[in-house]
Amino acid sequence: MKLDLYNYAVRNGLTRRRFLQGTSAIAGAAAMSGAGGLLKPARSFAQSDVRAEILGIPGVGRGSPTDADWQRVGELCLGGTRETVAEGEFEGVELTFMGLNNQNLHNFLFRGFLRSWEAYTGATINWIDLAQADYNARLQQSIATGTVDFDIIEMGAPFEGDTAGRGLLNEMPTWVAELIDMDDYVDYLKAPVGTWDGKTYRISIDGDCHTFSYRKDYYESEELAQAWADAGNDSPWEQPTSWEMVNAHSKFLAGKTDPLTGLDAHG
């Protein structure tokens, strides 16, 4: 952020967070409210229509989206920004966003998502692109040396103790909660995720869907079932439901034959 704008905000009694208030359900970056006072959101845009239009854009089952498609998604999600910020209100303001660029995702997609946001607000976002392996070291060094050079960060729940626990984050304003319906989130992304000592400090922009896959034919194999029983196992030979069972089955399958290929079986 430009120093003179930050100093102006502080002199007028605004916290850094109130000056740089975040709202973007897709990219998770910030939309700002004016230094002269906060604008109360009315939330008049039809969220269901936005979702319908987004689902019509190329994506899963519809081909690969282009950068123009990413920008279109960003335009569709500007409702909350238009209700809280005047067009061009933050001309000349610069923000720095630190996030990931793994596999040309995250930050690279956010650029497209937020291009229309920058055009509308007049603000500019500078990007710190990091690989996953470099992220923790960069964050911890910035904290330890007091050389934080970013306004917004993309981070996972494991870093909440390092940031919120040390008082380095600003609490999410209530008007953001009015724009984002937390009931839309799956339960495991709700509190306590994103909170610290009962206060909410961030919103989730990414909910990884972890799956467990197994070879059905392994558990239909009479030979493997018999070998499992002959090894003295009391439990039935069926798909595992715990990590202990996964480990036991993996050890058991070492040296066995794959029922499909006839090659070595693998746990």
C-alpha atoms as a PDB file:
ATOM      1  CA  MET A   1       0.000   0.000   0.000  1.00  0.00           C
ATOM      2  CA  LYS A   2       1.222   3.520  -0.650  1.00  0.00           C
ATOM      3  CA  LEU A   3       2.612   4.965   2.583  1.00  0.00           C
ATOM      4  CA  ASP A   4       0.845   8.310   2.337  1.00  0.00           C
ATOM      5  CA  LEU A   5      -2.548   6.616   2.023  1.00  0.00           C
ATOM      6  CA  TYR A   6      -1.837   4.360   4.974  1.00  0.00           C
ATOM      7  CA  ASN A   7      -0.725   7.284   7.122  1.00  0.00           C
ATOM      8  CA  TYR A   8      -3.870   9.183   6.137  1.00  0.00           C
ATOM      9  CA  ALA A   9      -5.994   6.272   7.307  1.00  0.00           C
ATOM     10  CA  VAL A  10      -4.175   6.033  10.629  1.00  0.00           C
ATOM     11  CA  ARG A  11      -4.473   9.774  11.273  1.00  0.00           C
ATOM     12  CA  ASN A  12      -8.207   9.561  10.715  1.00  0.00           C
ATOM     13  CA  GLY A  13      -8.651   6.757  13.211  1.00  0.00           C
ATOM     14  CA  LEU A  14      -9.017   3.854  10.791  1.00  0.00           C
ATOM     15  CA  THR A  15      -7.324   0.537  11.335  1.00  0.00           C
ATOM     16  CA  ARG A  16      -5.385  -0.980   8.467  1.00  0.00           C
ATOM     17  CA  ARG A  17      -8.077  -3.644   8.149  1.00  0.00           C
ATOM     18  CA  ARG A  18     -10.940  -1.141   7.988  1.00  0.00           C
ATOM     19  CA  PHE A  19      -9.093   0.730   5.270  1.00  0.00           C
ATOM     20  CA  LEU A  20      -8.455  -2.441   3.280  1.00  0.00           C
ATOM     21  CA  GLN A  21     -11.613  -4.463   3.708  1.00  0.00           C
ATOM     22  CA  GLY A  22     -11.705  -7.782   1.915  1.00  0.00           C
ATOM     23  CA  THR A  23     -14.455  -9.219  -0.241  1.00  0.00           C
ATOM     24  CA  SER A  24     -14.275 -11.602  -3.163  1.00  0.00           C
ATOM     25  CA  ALA A  25     -15.766 -15.072  -2.858  1.00  0.00           C
ATOM     26  CA  ILE A  26     -13.940 -16.314  -5.930  1.00  0.00           C
ATOM     27  CA  ALA A  27     -10.433 -14.939  -5.624  1.00  0.00           C
ATOM     28  CA  GLY A  28     -10.399 -14.124  -1.922  1.00  0.00           C
ATOM     29  CA  ALA A  29      -8.663 -10.786  -2.376  1.00  0.00           C
ATOM     30  CA  ALA A  30      -9.788  -7.454  -1.000  1.00  0.00           C
ATOM     31  CA  ALA A  31     -12.297  -4.836  -2.014  1.00  0.00           C
ATOM     32  CA  MET A  32     -11.899  -1.582  -0.167  1.00  0.00           C
ATOM     33  CA  SER A  33     -14.181   0.935   1.500  1.00  0.00           C
ATOM     34  CA  GLY A  34     -13.431   4.642   1.583  1.00  0.00           C
ATOM     35  CA  ALA A  35     -11.245   6.358   4.143  1.00  0.00           C
ATOM     36  CA  GLY A  36     -14.006   8.873   4.718  1.00  0.00           C
ATOM     37  CA  GLY A  37     -16.503   6.332   6.011  1.00  0.00           C
ATOM     38  CA  LEU A  38     -17.857   2.841   5.497  1.00  0.00           C
ATOM     39  CA  LEU A  39     -20.633   2.109   3.047  1.00  0.00           C
ATOM     40  CA  LYS A  40     -23.216  -0.339   4.311  1.00  0.00           C
ATOM     41  CA  PRO A  41     -23.914  -3.153   1.817  1.00  0.00           C
ATOM     42  CA  ALA A  42     -27.473  -3.699   0.682  1.00  0.00           C
ATOM     43  CA  ARG A  43     -26.919  -7.109  -0.933  1.00  0.00           C
ATOM     44  CA  SER A  44     -29.408  -6.690  -3.726  1.00  0.00           C
ATOM     45  CA  PHE A  45     -27.740  -8.848  -6.382  1.00  0.00           C
ATOM     46  CA  ALA A  46     -29.267 -12.229  -7.136  1.00  0.00           C
ATOM     47  CA  GLN A  47     -26.728 -14.807  -6.016  1.00  0.00           C
ATOM     48  CA  SER A  48     -28.568 -17.693  -7.646  1.00  0.00           C
ATOM     49  CA  ASP A  49     -28.402 -15.944 -11.046  1.00  0.00           C
ATOM     50  CA  VAL A  50     -24.665 -15.415 -10.603  1.00  0.00           C
ATOM     51  CA  ARG A  51     -24.155 -19.095  -9.895  1.00  0.00           C
ATOM     52  CA  ALA A  52     -26.192 -20.076 -12.934  1.00  0.00           C
ATOM     53  CA  GLU A  53     -24.109 -17.827 -15.185  1.00  0.00           C
ATOM     54  CA  ILE A  54     -20.838 -19.134 -13.747  1.00  0.00           C
ATOM     55  CA  LEU A  55     -21.935 -22.713 -14.346  1.00  0.00           C
ATOM     56  CA  GLY A  56     -22.510 -21.779 -17.990  1.00  0.00           C
ATOM     57  CA  ILE A  57     -18.864 -20.775 -18.425  1.00  0.00           C
ATOM     58  CA  PRO A  58     -16.415 -23.420 -19.746  1.00  0.00           C
ATOM     59  CA  GLY A  59     -15.161 -25.621 -16.965  1.00  0.00           C
ATOM     60  CA  VAL A  60     -15.769 -29.165 -15.768  1.00  0.00           C
ATOM     61  CA  GLY A  61     -17.493 -31.008 -18.595  1.00  0.00           C
ATOM     62  CA  ARG A  62     -17.549 -27.884 -20.768  1.00  0.00           C
ATOM     63  CA  GLY A  63     -13.954 -27.625 -21.961  1.00  0.00           C
ATOM     64  CA  SER A  64     -11.055 -25.563 -20.670  1.00  0.00           C
ATOM     65  CA  PRO A  65     -11.745 -21.968 -19.618  1.00  0.00           C
ATOM     66  CA  THR A  66      -9.643 -19.196 -21.115  1.00  0.00           C
ATOM     67  CA  ASP A  67      -8.309 -16.100 -19.406  1.00  0.00           C
ATOM     68  CA  ALA A  68     -11.342 -14.247 -20.768  1.00  0.00           C
ATOM     69  CA  ASP A  69     -13.539 -16.796 -18.960  1.00  0.00           C
ATOM     70  CA  TRP A  70     -11.704 -16.164 -15.679  1.00  0.00           C
ATOM     71  CA  GLN A  71     -12.249 -12.442 -16.164  1.00  0.00           C
ATOM     72  CA  ARG A  72     -15.936 -13.053 -16.830  1.00  0.00           C
ATOM     73  CA  VAL A  73     -16.234 -14.920 -13.517  1.00  0.00           C
ATOM     74  CA  GLY A  74     -14.633 -11.932 -11.788  1.00  0.00           C
ATOM     75  CA  GLU A  75     -17.122  -9.566 -13.396  1.00  0.00           C
ATOM     76  CA  LEU A  76     -20.038 -11.711 -12.242  1.00  0.00           C
ATOM     77  CA  CYS A  77     -18.778 -11.580  -8.649  1.00  0.00           C
ATOM     78  CA  LEU A  78     -18.481  -7.793  -8.412  1.00  0.00           C
ATOM     79  CA  GLY A  79     -21.928  -7.350  -6.847  1.00  0.00           C
ATOM     80  CA  GLY A  80     -20.675  -6.820  -3.314  1.00  0.00           C
ATOM     81  CA  THR A  81     -17.912  -4.489  -4.487  1.00  0.00           C
ATOM     82  CA  ARG A  82     -20.317  -2.296  -6.461  1.00  0.00           C
ATOM     83  CA  GLU A  83     -22.543  -2.006  -3.399  1.00  0.00           C
ATOM     84  CA  THR A  84     -19.737  -0.903  -1.084  1.00  0.00           C
ATOM     85  CA  VAL A  85     -17.258   0.969  -3.289  1.00  0.00           C
ATOM     86  CA  ALA A  86     -17.758   3.793  -5.780  1.00  0.00           C
ATOM     87  CA  GLU A  87     -16.297   3.236  -9.232  1.00  0.00           C
ATOM     88  CA  GLY A  88     -12.724   4.558  -9.372  1.00  0.00           C
ATOM     89  CA  GLU A  89     -12.756   5.331  -5.647  1.00  0.00           C
ATOM     90  CA  PHE A  90      -9.300   3.863  -5.088  1.00  0.00           C
ATOM     91  CA  GLU A  91      -7.458   5.116  -8.120  1.00  0.00           C
ATOM     92  CA  GLY A  92      -3.724   4.969  -7.385  1.00  0.00           C
ATOM     93  CA  VAL A  93      -3.954   2.617  -4.390  1.00  0.00           C
ATOM     94  CA  GLU A  94      -1.608  -0.366  -4.566  1.00  0.00           C
ATOM     95  CA  LEU A  95      -2.066  -3.650  -2.693  1.00  0.00           C
ATOM     96  CA  THR A  96       0.353  -6.561  -2.482  1.00  0.00           C
ATOM     97  CA  PHE A  97      -1.028 -10.107  -2.407  1.00  0.00           C
ATOM     98  CA  MET A  98       1.189 -13.031  -1.398  1.00  0.00           C
ATOM     99  CA  GLY A  99      -0.003 -16.414  -2.572  1.00  0.00           C
ATOM    100  CA  LEU A 100       0.806 -19.595  -4.452  1.00  0.00           C
ATOM    101  CA  ASN A 101       1.493 -20.183  -8.127  1.00  0.00           C
ATOM    102  CA  ASN A 102       1.557 -23.983  -8.099  1.00  0.00           C
ATOM    103  CA  GLN A 103       0.912 -25.506 -11.532  1.00  0.00           C
ATOM    104  CA  ASN A 104      -0.036 -22.079 -12.898  1.00  0.00           C
ATOM    105  CA  LEU A 105      -3.013 -21.925 -10.529  1.00  0.00           C
ATOM    106  CA  HIS A 106      -3.982 -19.797  -7.529  1.00  0.00           C
ATOM    107  CA  ASN A 107      -2.273 -16.426  -8.114  1.00  0.00           C
ATOM    108  CA  PHE A 108      -2.359 -16.819 -11.883  1.00  0.00           C
ATOM    109  CA  LEU A 109      -6.091 -17.465 -11.810  1.00  0.00           C
ATOM    110  CA  PHE A 110      -6.649 -14.668  -9.314  1.00  0.00           C
ATOM    111  CA  ARG A 111      -5.137 -12.236 -11.791  1.00  0.00           C
ATOM    112  CA  GLY A 112      -7.956 -13.001 -14.213  1.00  0.00           C
ATOM    113  CA  PHE A 113     -10.616 -13.065 -11.521  1.00  0.00           C
ATOM    114  CA  LEU A 114      -9.551  -9.665 -10.185  1.00  0.00           C
ATOM    115  CA  ARG A 115      -8.863  -7.801 -13.406  1.00  0.00           C
ATOM    116  CA  SER A 116     -12.399  -6.437 -13.490  1.00  0.00           C
ATOM    117  CA  TRP A 117     -12.129  -5.582  -9.772  1.00  0.00           C
ATOM    118  CA  GLU A 118      -9.016  -3.515 -10.455  1.00  0.00           C
ATOM    119  CA  ALA A 119     -10.698  -1.804 -13.409  1.00  0.00           C
ATOM    120  CA  TYR A 120     -13.762  -0.925 -11.320  1.00  0.00           C
ATOM    121  CA  THR A 121     -12.047   0.261  -8.123  1.00  0.00           C
ATOM    122  CA  GLY A 122      -8.984   1.836  -9.737  1.00  0.00           C
ATOM    123  CA  ALA A 123      -6.696  -0.053  -7.342  1.00  0.00           C
ATOM    124  CA  THR A 124      -3.706  -2.112  -8.464  1.00  0.00           C
ATOM    125  CA  ILE A 125      -2.684  -5.493  -7.079  1.00  0.00           C
ATOM    126  CA  ASN A 126       0.979  -6.481  -7.030  1.00  0.00           C
ATOM    127  CA  TRP A 127       1.610 -10.217  -6.806  1.00  0.00           C
ATOM    128  CA  ILE A 128       4.144 -12.228  -4.817  1.00  0.00           C
ATOM    129  CA  ASP A 129       4.079 -15.660  -6.471  1.00  0.00           C
ATOM    130  CA  LEU A 130       5.461 -18.544  -4.431  1.00  0.00           C
ATOM    131  CA  ALA A 131       5.777 -22.264  -4.927  1.00  0.00           C
ATOM    132  CA  GLN A 132       4.294 -24.413  -2.155  1.00  0.00           C
ATOM    133  CA  ALA A 133       7.769 -25.431  -0.979  1.00  0.00           C
ATOM    134  CA  ASP A 134       8.847 -21.791  -0.592  1.00  0.00           C
ATOM    135  CA  TYR A 135       5.739 -20.431   1.089  1.00  0.00           C
ATOM    136  CA  ASN A 136       6.340 -21.321   4.744  1.00  0.00           C
ATOM    137  CA  ALA A 137       9.940 -20.104   4.755  1.00  0.00           C
ATOM    138  CA  ARG A 138       8.911 -16.802   3.158  1.00  0.00           C
ATOM    139  CA  LEU A 139       6.085 -16.252   5.655  1.00  0.00           C
ATOM    140  CA  GLN A 140       8.108 -17.203   8.731  1.00  0.00           C
ATOM    141  CA  GLN A 141      11.049 -15.041   7.686  1.00  0.00           C
ATOM    142  CA  SER A 142       8.761 -12.048   7.168  1.00  0.00           C
ATOM    143  CA  ILE A 143       7.257 -12.530  10.623  1.00  0.00           C
ATOM    144  CA  ALA A 144      10.556 -13.160  12.416  1.00  0.00           C
ATOM    145  CA  THR A 145      12.365 -10.192  10.878  1.00  0.00           C
ATOM    146  CA  GLY A 146       9.426  -7.778  10.870  1.00  0.00           C
ATOM    147  CA  THR A 147       9.734  -7.310   7.129  1.00  0.00           C
ATOM    148  CA  VAL A 148       6.148  -8.049   6.066  1.00  0.00           C
ATOM    149  CA  ASP A 149       5.816  -6.611   2.562  1.00  0.00           C
ATOM    150  CA  PHE A 150       2.290  -7.770   1.716  1.00  0.00           C
ATOM    151  CA  ASP A 151      -1.194  -6.558   2.588  1.00  0.00           C
ATOM    152  CA  ILE A 152      -3.144  -9.761   1.908  1.00  0.00           C
ATOM    153  CA  ILE A 153      -2.077 -13.381   2.083  1.00  0.00           C
ATOM    154  CA  GLU A 154      -3.442 -16.669   0.878  1.00  0.00           C
ATOM    155  CA  MET A 155      -2.806 -19.216   3.608  1.00  0.00           C
ATOM    156  CA  GLY A 156      -4.069 -22.459   5.062  1.00  0.00           C
ATOM    157  CA  ALA A 157      -5.417 -23.167   8.530  1.00  0.00           C
ATOM    158  CA  PRO A 158      -2.018 -24.440   9.811  1.00  0.00           C
ATOM    159  CA  PHE A 159      -0.691 -20.864   9.654  1.00  0.00           C
ATOM    160  CA  GLU A 160      -3.438 -19.343  11.783  1.00  0.00           C
ATOM    161  CA  GLY A 161      -1.391 -19.803  14.947  1.00  0.00           C
ATOM    162  CA  ASP A 162       1.613 -18.054  13.382  1.00  0.00           C
ATOM    163  CA  THR A 163      -0.472 -15.096  12.247  1.00  0.00           C
ATOM    164  CA  ALA A 164      -3.682 -14.650  14.218  1.00  0.00           C
ATOM    165  CA  GLY A 165      -2.096 -16.187  17.319  1.00  0.00           C
ATOM    166  CA  ARG A 166       0.532 -13.448  17.292  1.00  0.00           C
ATOM    167  CA  GLY A 167      -1.967 -10.674  16.694  1.00  0.00           C
ATOM    168  CA  LEU A 168      -0.742 -10.043  13.145  1.00  0.00           C
ATOM    169  CA  LEU A 169      -4.158 -10.211  11.465  1.00  0.00           C
ATOM    170  CA  ASN A 170      -7.050  -7.788  11.603  1.00  0.00           C
ATOM    171  CA  GLU A 171     -10.517  -9.074  12.388  1.00  0.00           C
ATOM    172  CA  MET A 172     -12.911  -9.468   9.471  1.00  0.00           C
ATOM    173  CA  PRO A 173     -15.404  -6.548   9.419  1.00  0.00           C
ATOM    174  CA  THR A 174     -19.041  -7.379  10.055  1.00  0.00           C
ATOM    175  CA  TRP A 175     -20.065  -5.995   6.657  1.00  0.00           C
ATOM    176  CA  VAL A 176     -18.029  -8.743   4.968  1.00  0.00           C
ATOM    177  CA  ALA A 177     -20.040 -11.338   6.903  1.00  0.00           C
ATOM    178  CA  GLU A 178     -23.186  -9.689   5.571  1.00  0.00           C
ATOM    179  CA  LEU A 179     -21.945 -10.202   2.004  1.00  0.00           C
ATOM    180  CA  ILE A 180     -20.786 -13.792   2.475  1.00  0.00           C
ATOM    181  CA  ASP A 181     -23.275 -16.416   3.600  1.00  0.00           C
ATOM    182  CA  MET A 182     -21.220 -18.795   5.730  1.00  0.00           C
ATOM    183  CA  ASP A 183     -24.018 -21.359   5.504  1.00  0.00           C
ATOM    184  CA  ASP A 184     -22.877 -21.872   1.906  1.00  0.00           C
ATOM    185  CA  TYR A 185     -19.643 -23.357   3.217  1.00  0.00           C
ATOM    186  CA  VAL A 186     -19.237 -27.050   3.946  1.00  0.00           C
ATOM    187  CA  ASP A 187     -19.001 -27.680   7.679  1.00  0.00           C
ATOM    188  CA  TYR A 188     -15.279 -28.393   7.817  1.00  0.00           C
ATOM    189  CA  LEU A 189     -14.531 -24.909   6.452  1.00  0.00           C
ATOM    190  CA  LYS A 190     -16.652 -23.186   9.101  1.00  0.00           C
ATOM    191  CA  ALA A 191     -15.472 -22.109  12.550  1.00  0.00           C
ATOM    192  CA  PRO A 192     -13.065 -22.797  14.143  1.00  0.00           C
ATOM    193  CA  VAL A 193     -11.327 -22.656  10.734  1.00  0.00           C
ATOM    194  CA  GLY A 194     -10.533 -19.018   9.976  1.00  0.00           C
ATOM    195  CA  THR A 195     -11.048 -17.951  13.582  1.00  0.00           C
ATOM    196  CA  TRP A 196      -8.897 -17.359  16.644  1.00  0.00           C
ATOM    197  CA  ASP A 197     -10.209 -16.849  20.178  1.00  0.00           C
ATOM    198  CA  GLY A 198     -13.712 -16.720  18.761  1.00  0.00           C
ATOM    199  CA  LYS A 199     -12.987 -13.961  16.239  1.00  0.00           C
ATOM    200  CA  THR A 200     -13.114 -14.455  12.481  1.00  0.00           C
ATOM    201  CA  TYR A 201     -10.057 -13.280  10.584  1.00  0.00           C
ATOM    202  CA  ARG A 202     -10.472 -14.676   7.097  1.00  0.00           C
ATOM    203  CA  ILE A 203     -12.744 -16.392   4.604  1.00  0.00           C
ATOM    204  CA  SER A 204     -12.040 -19.656   2.804  1.00  0.00           C
ATOM    205  CA  ILE A 205     -11.550 -19.585  -0.954  1.00  0.00           C
ATOM    206  CA  ASP A 206     -10.512 -23.206  -1.452  1.00  0.00           C
ATOM    207  CA  GLY A 207     -11.911 -26.409   0.044  1.00  0.00           C
ATOM    208  CA  ASP A 208      -9.878 -29.404  -1.030  1.00  0.00           C
ATOM    209  CA  CYS A 209     -12.013 -32.491  -1.570  1.00  0.00           C
ATOM    210  CA  HIS A 210     -10.028 -35.482  -0.345  1.00  0.00           C
ATOM    211  CA  THR A 211     -11.097 -38.889  -1.613  1.00  0.00           C
ATOM    212  CA  PHE A 212     -10.184 -42.458  -0.797  1.00  0.00           C
ATOM    213  CA  SER A 213     -10.005 -44.935  -3.671  1.00  0.00           C
ATOM    214  CA  TYR A 214      -9.449 -48.668  -3.617  1.00  0.00           C
ATOM    215  CA  ARG A 215      -9.366 -51.572  -6.031  1.00  0.00           C
ATOM    216  CA  LYS A 216     -12.732 -53.307  -5.742  1.00  0.00           C
ATOM    217  CA  ASP A 217     -11.404 -56.464  -7.395  1.00  0.00           C
ATOM    218  CA  TYR A 218      -8.815 -56.866  -4.634  1.00  0.00           C
ATOM    219  CA  TYR A 219     -11.629 -57.325  -2.135  1.00  0.00           C
ATOM    220  CA  GLU A 220     -13.573 -59.628  -4.439  1.00  0.00           C
ATOM    221  CA  SER A 221     -10.560 -61.943  -4.788  1.00  0.00           C
ATOM    222  CA  GLU A 222     -11.149 -65.278  -3.046  1.00  0.00           C
ATOM    223  CA  GLU A 223      -7.412 -65.972  -3.135  1.00  0.00           C
ATOM    224  CA  LEU A 224      -6.564 -62.774  -1.275  1.00  0.00           C
ATOM    225  CA  ALA A 225      -9.407 -63.313   1.189  1.00  0.00           C
ATOM    226  CA  GLN A 226      -8.144 -66.815   1.969  1.00  0.00           C
ATOM    227  CA  ALA A 227      -4.551 -65.641   2.310  1.00  0.00           C
ATOM    228  CA  TRP A 228      -5.743 -62.876   4.670  1.00  0.00           C
ATOM    229  CA  ALA A 229      -7.521 -65.421   6.867  1.00  0.00           C
ATOM    230  CA  ASP A 230      -4.580 -67.862   6.726  1.00  0.00           C
ATOM    231  CA  ALA A 231      -2.348 -65.064   8.008  1.00  0.00           C
ATOM    232  CA  GLY A 232      -4.324 -65.135  11.251  1.00  0.00           C
ATOM    233  CA  ASN A 233      -6.419 -62.028  10.745  1.00  0.00           C
ATOM    234  CA  ASP A 234      -9.766 -62.043  12.564  1.00  0.00           C
ATOM    235  CA  SER A 235     -11.238 -59.093  10.643  1.00  0.00           C
ATOM    236  CA  PRO A 236     -12.943 -59.778   7.293  1.00  0.00           C
ATOM    237  CA  TRP A 237     -11.117 -59.075   4.030  1.00  0.00           C
ATOM    238  CA  GLU A 238     -12.972 -55.924   2.942  1.00  0.00           C
ATOM    239  CA  GLN A 239     -12.178 -52.333   2.086  1.00  0.00           C
ATOM    240  CA  PRO A 240     -10.429 -50.513   4.958  1.00  0.00           C
ATOM    241  CA  THR A 241     -12.253 -47.924   7.045  1.00  0.00           C
ATOM    242  CA  SER A 242      -9.310 -46.673   9.130  1.00  0.00           C
ATOM    243  CA  TRP A 243      -5.681 -45.772   8.578  1.00  0.00           C
ATOM    244  CA  GLU A 244      -4.687 -48.723  10.758  1.00  0.00           C
ATOM    245  CA  MET A 245      -6.476 -51.041   8.323  1.00  0.00           C
ATOM    246  CA  VAL A 246      -4.874 -49.290   5.340  1.00  0.00           C
ATOM    247  CA  ASN A 247      -1.429 -49.948   6.825  1.00  0.00           C
ATOM    248  CA  ALA A 248      -2.259 -53.565   7.664  1.00  0.00           C
ATOM    249  CA  HIS A 249      -3.632 -54.266   4.171  1.00  0.00           C
ATOM    250  CA  SER A 250      -0.661 -52.574   2.508  1.00  0.00           C
ATOM    251  CA  LYS A 251       1.793 -54.755   4.431  1.00  0.00           C
ATOM    252  CA  PHE A 252      -0.288 -57.866   3.687  1.00  0.00           C
ATOM    253  CA  LEU A 253      -0.373 -57.192  -0.070  1.00  0.00           C
ATOM    254  CA  ALA A 254       3.415 -56.991  -0.354  1.00  0.00           C
ATOM    255  CA  GLY A 255       4.517 -59.993  -2.385  1.00  0.00           C
ATOM    256  CA  LYS A 256       0.978 -60.937  -3.454  1.00  0.00           C
ATOM    257  CA  THR A 257      -0.260 -61.094  -7.057  1.00  0.00           C
ATOM    258  CA  ASP A 258      -2.503 -58.477  -8.647  1.00  0.00           C
ATOM    259  CA  PRO A 259      -5.722 -60.327  -9.625  1.00  0.00           C
ATOM    260  CA  LEU A 260      -6.116 -58.201 -12.777  1.00  0.00           C
ATOM    261  CA  THR A 261      -2.611 -58.048 -14.244  1.00  0.00           C
ATOM    262  CA  GLY A 262      -0.867 -61.003 -12.653  1.00  0.00           C
ATOM    263  CA  LEU A 263       1.959 -58.639 -11.658  1.00  0.00           C
ATOM    264  CA  ASP A 264       2.981 -57.649  -8.149  1.00  0.00           C
ATOM    265  CA  ALA A 265       0.148 -56.330  -6.000  1.00  0.00           C
ATOM    266  CA  HIS A 266       0.511 -52.984  -4.260  1.00  0.00           C
ATOM    267  CA  GLY A 267      -1.141 -51.599  -1.164  1.00  0.00           C
END
